[in-house]
Amino acid sequence: MCQGIWLGGSTYEFLKGEAVHWVMHCDMQYPVDSFDLAKRLGFKIISYDELDEEQRAAAYETSEDAFFIDKDGEITIFYNNNMSPERIENSVIHEVSHSVLDHGIDESRKDIEETEAKFFTKYLKAPPPLIHQLPIISIDSIKIAFKLSIEAAEYAFNYYQKWLKKFDGNYKEYEIKLLKHCGFDKEVNKKAS
């Protein structure tokens, strides 16, 4: 179980920078569409219902939500299409995160990699600097703006509150890149001066 694993400040900073890197590299806009992101990365996406009966049973045994396979550098994401759209979105981005973070090789790191993927997914889907730009900041506004489930919006809101306590008015370099990428140049210039 990966509950309670602290990755360390430098790891979290790395993961935030990587999330921003992939948003910019794939020229994504918000709300991020997981299928579009995966396709821009050249990943193949297959729903469990597209599999034959035996393959589908194996897929469910592997994961109730989603998983990815890297076969000679060709990434395929398999996902359970019988979930809510928000959960599918989250599951697909979660698998994208495992892939771009080169996860899955070392079984002894499984819990750490799961924690990294969850954090990367959370940050990529609803980064606090973008939440900070909303005219009204609430769980509902985050849910709508970033197309999240209510549970994911609650996590994003709570994480935003933690971020806000540490925010001194100066954005970090990766936050500035993200804000500029998303058209918030005036906000960046205002805070930078």
C-alpha atoms as a PDB file:
ATOM      1  CA  MET A   1       0.000   0.000   0.000  1.00  0.00           C
ATOM      2  CA  CYS A   2       1.358   3.432  -0.842  1.00  0.00           C
ATOM      3  CA  GLN A   3      -0.493   5.463   1.770  1.00  0.00           C
ATOM      4  CA  GLY A   4       1.728   7.718   3.830  1.00  0.00           C
ATOM      5  CA  ILE A   5       4.825   7.604   1.642  1.00  0.00           C
ATOM      6  CA  TRP A   6       6.648  10.937   1.695  1.00  0.00           C
ATOM      7  CA  LEU A   7       8.738  11.368  -1.429  1.00  0.00           C
ATOM      8  CA  GLY A   8      10.735  14.367  -0.264  1.00  0.00           C
ATOM      9  CA  GLY A   9      10.588  17.985  -1.360  1.00  0.00           C
ATOM     10  CA  SER A  10      13.026  17.656  -4.252  1.00  0.00           C
ATOM     11  CA  THR A  11      11.071  14.710  -5.688  1.00  0.00           C
ATOM     12  CA  TYR A  12       7.804  16.626  -5.516  1.00  0.00           C
ATOM     13  CA  GLU A  13       9.446  19.609  -7.225  1.00  0.00           C
ATOM     14  CA  PHE A  14      10.799  17.293  -9.924  1.00  0.00           C
ATOM     15  CA  LEU A  15       7.343  15.766 -10.476  1.00  0.00           C
ATOM     16  CA  LYS A  16       5.705  19.195 -10.770  1.00  0.00           C
ATOM     17  CA  GLY A  17       8.348  20.286 -13.266  1.00  0.00           C
ATOM     18  CA  GLU A  18       7.851  17.073 -15.254  1.00  0.00           C
ATOM     19  CA  ALA A  19       4.069  17.547 -15.335  1.00  0.00           C
ATOM     20  CA  VAL A  20       4.545  21.058 -16.717  1.00  0.00           C
ATOM     21  CA  HIS A  21       7.141  19.771 -19.194  1.00  0.00           C
ATOM     22  CA  TRP A  22       4.703  17.202 -20.630  1.00  0.00           C
ATOM     23  CA  VAL A  23       1.830  19.700 -20.813  1.00  0.00           C
ATOM     24  CA  MET A  24       4.058  22.044 -22.800  1.00  0.00           C
ATOM     25  CA  HIS A  25       5.794  19.332 -24.851  1.00  0.00           C
ATOM     26  CA  CYS A  26       2.396  18.039 -26.017  1.00  0.00           C
ATOM     27  CA  ASP A  27       1.000  21.583 -26.334  1.00  0.00           C
ATOM     28  CA  MET A  28      -1.948  20.712 -24.083  1.00  0.00           C
ATOM     29  CA  GLN A  29      -4.517  23.182 -22.849  1.00  0.00           C
ATOM     30  CA  TYR A  30      -6.770  22.931 -19.805  1.00  0.00           C
ATOM     31  CA  PRO A  31      -8.774  20.994 -18.974  1.00  0.00           C
ATOM     32  CA  VAL A  32      -6.344  18.296 -20.078  1.00  0.00           C
ATOM     33  CA  ASP A  33      -7.936  15.514 -22.112  1.00  0.00           C
ATOM     34  CA  SER A  34      -6.205  12.255 -21.182  1.00  0.00           C
ATOM     35  CA  PHE A  35      -6.931  10.554 -24.500  1.00  0.00           C
ATOM     36  CA  ASP A  36      -5.565  13.518 -26.444  1.00  0.00           C
ATOM     37  CA  LEU A  37      -2.445  13.590 -24.258  1.00  0.00           C
ATOM     38  CA  ALA A  38      -1.845   9.861 -24.715  1.00  0.00           C
ATOM     39  CA  LYS A  39      -2.336  10.125 -28.483  1.00  0.00           C
ATOM     40  CA  ARG A  40       0.028  13.109 -28.737  1.00  0.00           C
ATOM     41  CA  LEU A  41       2.619  10.954 -26.994  1.00  0.00           C
ATOM     42  CA  GLY A  42       2.036   8.234 -29.588  1.00  0.00           C
ATOM     43  CA  PHE A  43       0.390   5.825 -27.150  1.00  0.00           C
ATOM     44  CA  LYS A  44      -2.239   3.351 -28.246  1.00  0.00           C
ATOM     45  CA  ILE A  45      -5.406   3.246 -26.115  1.00  0.00           C
ATOM     46  CA  ILE A  46      -7.651   0.187 -25.858  1.00  0.00           C
ATOM     47  CA  SER A  47     -10.779  -0.208 -23.734  1.00  0.00           C
ATOM     48  CA  TYR A  48     -11.413  -3.463 -21.904  1.00  0.00           C
ATOM     49  CA  ASP A  49     -14.564  -3.962 -23.973  1.00  0.00           C
ATOM     50  CA  GLU A  50     -12.441  -4.071 -27.152  1.00  0.00           C
ATOM     51  CA  LEU A  51     -10.693  -7.197 -25.849  1.00  0.00           C
ATOM     52  CA  ASP A  52     -11.875 -10.754 -26.291  1.00  0.00           C
ATOM     53  CA  GLU A  53     -13.354 -12.522 -23.253  1.00  0.00           C
ATOM     54  CA  GLU A  54     -10.093 -14.118 -22.120  1.00  0.00           C
ATOM     55  CA  GLN A  55      -8.095 -10.899 -22.575  1.00  0.00           C
ATOM     56  CA  ARG A  56     -10.785  -8.880 -20.782  1.00  0.00           C
ATOM     57  CA  ALA A  57     -10.666 -11.238 -17.785  1.00  0.00           C
ATOM     58  CA  ALA A  58      -6.871 -10.881 -17.690  1.00  0.00           C
ATOM     59  CA  ALA A  59      -7.182  -7.092 -17.925  1.00  0.00           C
ATOM     60  CA  TYR A  60      -9.575  -6.939 -14.957  1.00  0.00           C
ATOM     61  CA  GLU A  61      -7.224  -9.209 -13.030  1.00  0.00           C
ATOM     62  CA  THR A  62      -4.351  -6.836 -13.758  1.00  0.00           C
ATOM     63  CA  SER A  63      -6.294  -3.712 -12.747  1.00  0.00           C
ATOM     64  CA  GLU A  64      -9.895  -2.698 -12.151  1.00  0.00           C
ATOM     65  CA  ASP A  65      -9.065   0.738 -13.603  1.00  0.00           C
ATOM     66  CA  ALA A  66      -6.236   0.751 -16.166  1.00  0.00           C
ATOM     67  CA  PHE A  67      -2.695  -0.372 -16.897  1.00  0.00           C
ATOM     68  CA  PHE A  68      -0.050   0.108 -19.568  1.00  0.00           C
ATOM     69  CA  ILE A  69       2.276  -2.198 -21.431  1.00  0.00           C
ATOM     70  CA  ASP A  70       5.563  -1.097 -22.959  1.00  0.00           C
ATOM     71  CA  LYS A  71       6.458  -3.509 -25.729  1.00  0.00           C
ATOM     72  CA  ASP A  72       9.738  -2.484 -27.317  1.00  0.00           C
ATOM     73  CA  GLY A  73       9.022   1.209 -26.731  1.00  0.00           C
ATOM     74  CA  GLU A  74       5.444   1.027 -28.022  1.00  0.00           C
ATOM     75  CA  ILE A  75       3.095   2.022 -25.203  1.00  0.00           C
ATOM     76  CA  THR A  76      -0.459   0.679 -25.026  1.00  0.00           C
ATOM     77  CA  ILE A  77      -2.848   1.802 -22.308  1.00  0.00           C
ATOM     78  CA  PHE A  78      -5.728  -0.515 -21.467  1.00  0.00           C
ATOM     79  CA  TYR A  79      -8.608   1.016 -19.514  1.00  0.00           C
ATOM     80  CA  ASN A  80     -11.911  -0.039 -17.985  1.00  0.00           C
ATOM     81  CA  ASN A  81     -14.500   1.859 -20.009  1.00  0.00           C
ATOM     82  CA  ASN A  82     -17.287   0.949 -17.548  1.00  0.00           C
ATOM     83  CA  MET A  83     -16.308   3.699 -15.100  1.00  0.00           C
ATOM     84  CA  SER A  84     -17.391   7.327 -14.903  1.00  0.00           C
ATOM     85  CA  PRO A  85     -15.831   9.617 -17.534  1.00  0.00           C
ATOM     86  CA  GLU A  86     -13.908  11.477 -14.808  1.00  0.00           C
ATOM     87  CA  ARG A  87     -12.467   8.251 -13.413  1.00  0.00           C
ATOM     88  CA  ILE A  88     -11.487   7.079 -16.898  1.00  0.00           C
ATOM     89  CA  GLU A  89      -9.733  10.428 -17.489  1.00  0.00           C
ATOM     90  CA  ASN A  90      -7.847  10.112 -14.212  1.00  0.00           C
ATOM     91  CA  SER A  91      -6.931   6.462 -14.829  1.00  0.00           C
ATOM     92  CA  VAL A  92      -5.574   7.112 -18.321  1.00  0.00           C
ATOM     93  CA  ILE A  93      -3.461  10.083 -17.170  1.00  0.00           C
ATOM     94  CA  HIS A  94      -2.262   7.993 -14.230  1.00  0.00           C
ATOM     95  CA  GLU A  95      -0.983   5.379 -16.691  1.00  0.00           C
ATOM     96  CA  VAL A  96       0.558   8.084 -18.880  1.00  0.00           C
ATOM     97  CA  SER A  97       2.402   9.300 -15.782  1.00  0.00           C
ATOM     98  CA  HIS A  98       3.799   5.831 -15.053  1.00  0.00           C
ATOM     99  CA  SER A  99       5.099   5.660 -18.608  1.00  0.00           C
ATOM    100  CA  VAL A 100       6.664   9.126 -18.877  1.00  0.00           C
ATOM    101  CA  LEU A 101       8.263   8.632 -15.449  1.00  0.00           C
ATOM    102  CA  ASP A 102       9.776   5.303 -16.620  1.00  0.00           C
ATOM    103  CA  HIS A 103       7.954   3.270 -13.996  1.00  0.00           C
ATOM    104  CA  GLY A 104       7.395  -0.450 -13.853  1.00  0.00           C
ATOM    105  CA  ILE A 105      10.873  -1.880 -14.078  1.00  0.00           C
ATOM    106  CA  ASP A 106      11.806  -2.310 -10.410  1.00  0.00           C
ATOM    107  CA  GLU A 107       9.179  -4.196  -8.368  1.00  0.00           C
ATOM    108  CA  SER A 108      10.797  -3.009  -5.097  1.00  0.00           C
ATOM    109  CA  ARG A 109       9.861   0.584  -6.026  1.00  0.00           C
ATOM    110  CA  LYS A 110       6.199  -0.190  -6.753  1.00  0.00           C
ATOM    111  CA  ASP A 111       4.764   1.762  -3.786  1.00  0.00           C
ATOM    112  CA  ILE A 112       7.024   4.750  -4.416  1.00  0.00           C
ATOM    113  CA  GLU A 113       6.165   4.734  -8.118  1.00  0.00           C
ATOM    114  CA  GLU A 114       2.462   4.582  -7.324  1.00  0.00           C
ATOM    115  CA  THR A 115       2.792   7.599  -5.020  1.00  0.00           C
ATOM    116  CA  GLU A 116       4.761   9.459  -7.700  1.00  0.00           C
ATOM    117  CA  ALA A 117       2.141   8.664 -10.351  1.00  0.00           C
ATOM    118  CA  LYS A 118      -0.720   9.804  -8.115  1.00  0.00           C
ATOM    119  CA  PHE A 119       1.001  13.085  -7.342  1.00  0.00           C
ATOM    120  CA  PHE A 120       2.021  13.673 -10.983  1.00  0.00           C
ATOM    121  CA  THR A 121      -1.571  13.011 -12.091  1.00  0.00           C
ATOM    122  CA  LYS A 122      -3.017  15.348  -9.456  1.00  0.00           C
ATOM    123  CA  TYR A 123      -0.626  18.146 -10.378  1.00  0.00           C
ATOM    124  CA  LEU A 124      -1.044  17.697 -14.127  1.00  0.00           C
ATOM    125  CA  LYS A 125      -4.853  17.654 -13.947  1.00  0.00           C
ATOM    126  CA  ALA A 126      -5.260  20.740 -11.691  1.00  0.00           C
ATOM    127  CA  PRO A 127      -2.070  22.663 -10.915  1.00  0.00           C
ATOM    128  CA  PRO A 128      -2.440  25.173  -8.064  1.00  0.00           C
ATOM    129  CA  PRO A 129      -1.100  28.131 -10.112  1.00  0.00           C
ATOM    130  CA  LEU A 130      -3.980  27.602 -12.572  1.00  0.00           C
ATOM    131  CA  ILE A 131      -6.526  27.066  -9.802  1.00  0.00           C
ATOM    132  CA  HIS A 132      -5.264  30.399  -8.437  1.00  0.00           C
ATOM    133  CA  GLN A 133      -6.460  32.077 -11.662  1.00  0.00           C
ATOM    134  CA  LEU A 134     -10.095  31.029 -11.229  1.00  0.00           C
ATOM    135  CA  PRO A 135     -12.431  33.937 -10.422  1.00  0.00           C
ATOM    136  CA  ILE A 136     -14.054  31.894  -7.639  1.00  0.00           C
ATOM    137  CA  ILE A 137     -12.074  29.138  -5.994  1.00  0.00           C
ATOM    138  CA  SER A 138     -14.183  26.322  -4.603  1.00  0.00           C
ATOM    139  CA  ILE A 139     -14.463  22.577  -4.952  1.00  0.00           C
ATOM    140  CA  ASP A 140     -17.275  23.059  -7.467  1.00  0.00           C
ATOM    141  CA  SER A 141     -15.389  25.622  -9.561  1.00  0.00           C
ATOM    142  CA  ILE A 142     -12.329  23.335  -9.668  1.00  0.00           C
ATOM    143  CA  LYS A 143     -14.523  20.365 -10.615  1.00  0.00           C
ATOM    144  CA  ILE A 144     -16.044  22.306 -13.517  1.00  0.00           C
ATOM    145  CA  ALA A 145     -12.903  24.126 -14.725  1.00  0.00           C
ATOM    146  CA  PHE A 146     -10.690  21.035 -14.766  1.00  0.00           C
ATOM    147  CA  LYS A 147     -13.405  18.419 -15.471  1.00  0.00           C
ATOM    148  CA  LEU A 148     -12.671  16.416 -12.324  1.00  0.00           C
ATOM    149  CA  SER A 149     -14.723  14.050 -10.231  1.00  0.00           C
ATOM    150  CA  ILE A 150     -15.941  15.520  -6.965  1.00  0.00           C
ATOM    151  CA  GLU A 151     -13.354  13.430  -5.086  1.00  0.00           C
ATOM    152  CA  ALA A 152     -10.504  14.633  -7.323  1.00  0.00           C
ATOM    153  CA  ALA A 153     -11.743  18.235  -7.008  1.00  0.00           C
ATOM    154  CA  GLU A 154     -11.682  17.914  -3.225  1.00  0.00           C
ATOM    155  CA  TYR A 155      -8.088  16.651  -3.346  1.00  0.00           C
ATOM    156  CA  ALA A 156      -7.144  19.458  -5.747  1.00  0.00           C
ATOM    157  CA  PHE A 157      -8.795  22.064  -3.506  1.00  0.00           C
ATOM    158  CA  ASN A 158      -6.999  20.737  -0.417  1.00  0.00           C
ATOM    159  CA  TYR A 159      -3.686  20.682  -2.249  1.00  0.00           C
ATOM    160  CA  TYR A 160      -4.322  24.220  -3.508  1.00  0.00           C
ATOM    161  CA  GLN A 161      -4.908  25.341   0.097  1.00  0.00           C
ATOM    162  CA  LYS A 162      -1.518  23.858   1.109  1.00  0.00           C
ATOM    163  CA  TRP A 163       0.150  25.497  -1.887  1.00  0.00           C
ATOM    164  CA  LEU A 164      -1.467  28.854  -1.067  1.00  0.00           C
ATOM    165  CA  LYS A 165      -0.073  28.806   2.505  1.00  0.00           C
ATOM    166  CA  LYS A 166       3.453  28.564   1.040  1.00  0.00           C
ATOM    167  CA  PHE A 167       2.868  30.927  -1.907  1.00  0.00           C
ATOM    168  CA  ASP A 168       4.709  34.185  -1.255  1.00  0.00           C
ATOM    169  CA  GLY A 169       3.596  35.899  -4.455  1.00  0.00           C
ATOM    170  CA  ASN A 170       6.546  34.601  -6.455  1.00  0.00           C
ATOM    171  CA  TYR A 171       5.963  31.749  -8.847  1.00  0.00           C
ATOM    172  CA  LYS A 172       8.566  29.050  -9.355  1.00  0.00           C
ATOM    173  CA  GLU A 173      10.166  28.731 -12.789  1.00  0.00           C
ATOM    174  CA  TYR A 174       7.980  25.800 -13.893  1.00  0.00           C
ATOM    175  CA  GLU A 175       4.872  27.637 -12.638  1.00  0.00           C
ATOM    176  CA  ILE A 176       5.784  30.676 -14.730  1.00  0.00           C
ATOM    177  CA  LYS A 177       6.229  28.450 -17.803  1.00  0.00           C
ATOM    178  CA  LEU A 178       2.828  26.867 -17.194  1.00  0.00           C
ATOM    179  CA  LEU A 179       1.060  30.185 -16.642  1.00  0.00           C
ATOM    180  CA  LYS A 180       2.581  31.644 -19.809  1.00  0.00           C
ATOM    181  CA  HIS A 181       1.713  28.506 -21.774  1.00  0.00           C
ATOM    182  CA  CYS A 182      -1.902  28.869 -20.636  1.00  0.00           C
ATOM    183  CA  GLY A 183      -2.092  32.579 -21.523  1.00  0.00           C
ATOM    184  CA  PHE A 184      -1.619  34.140 -18.099  1.00  0.00           C
ATOM    185  CA  ASP A 185       1.316  36.362 -19.079  1.00  0.00           C
ATOM    186  CA  LYS A 186      -0.122  39.401 -17.269  1.00  0.00           C
ATOM    187  CA  GLU A 187      -0.398  37.425 -14.028  1.00  0.00           C
ATOM    188  CA  VAL A 188       3.230  36.287 -14.327  1.00  0.00           C
ATOM    189  CA  ASN A 189       4.482  39.797 -15.108  1.00  0.00           C
ATOM    190  CA  LYS A 190       2.444  41.256 -12.243  1.00  0.00           C
ATOM    191  CA  LYS A 191       3.900  38.758  -9.742  1.00  0.00           C
ATOM    192  CA  ALA A 192       7.433  38.967 -11.127  1.00  0.00           C
ATOM    193  CA  SER A 193       7.711  42.724 -10.596  1.00  0.00           C
END
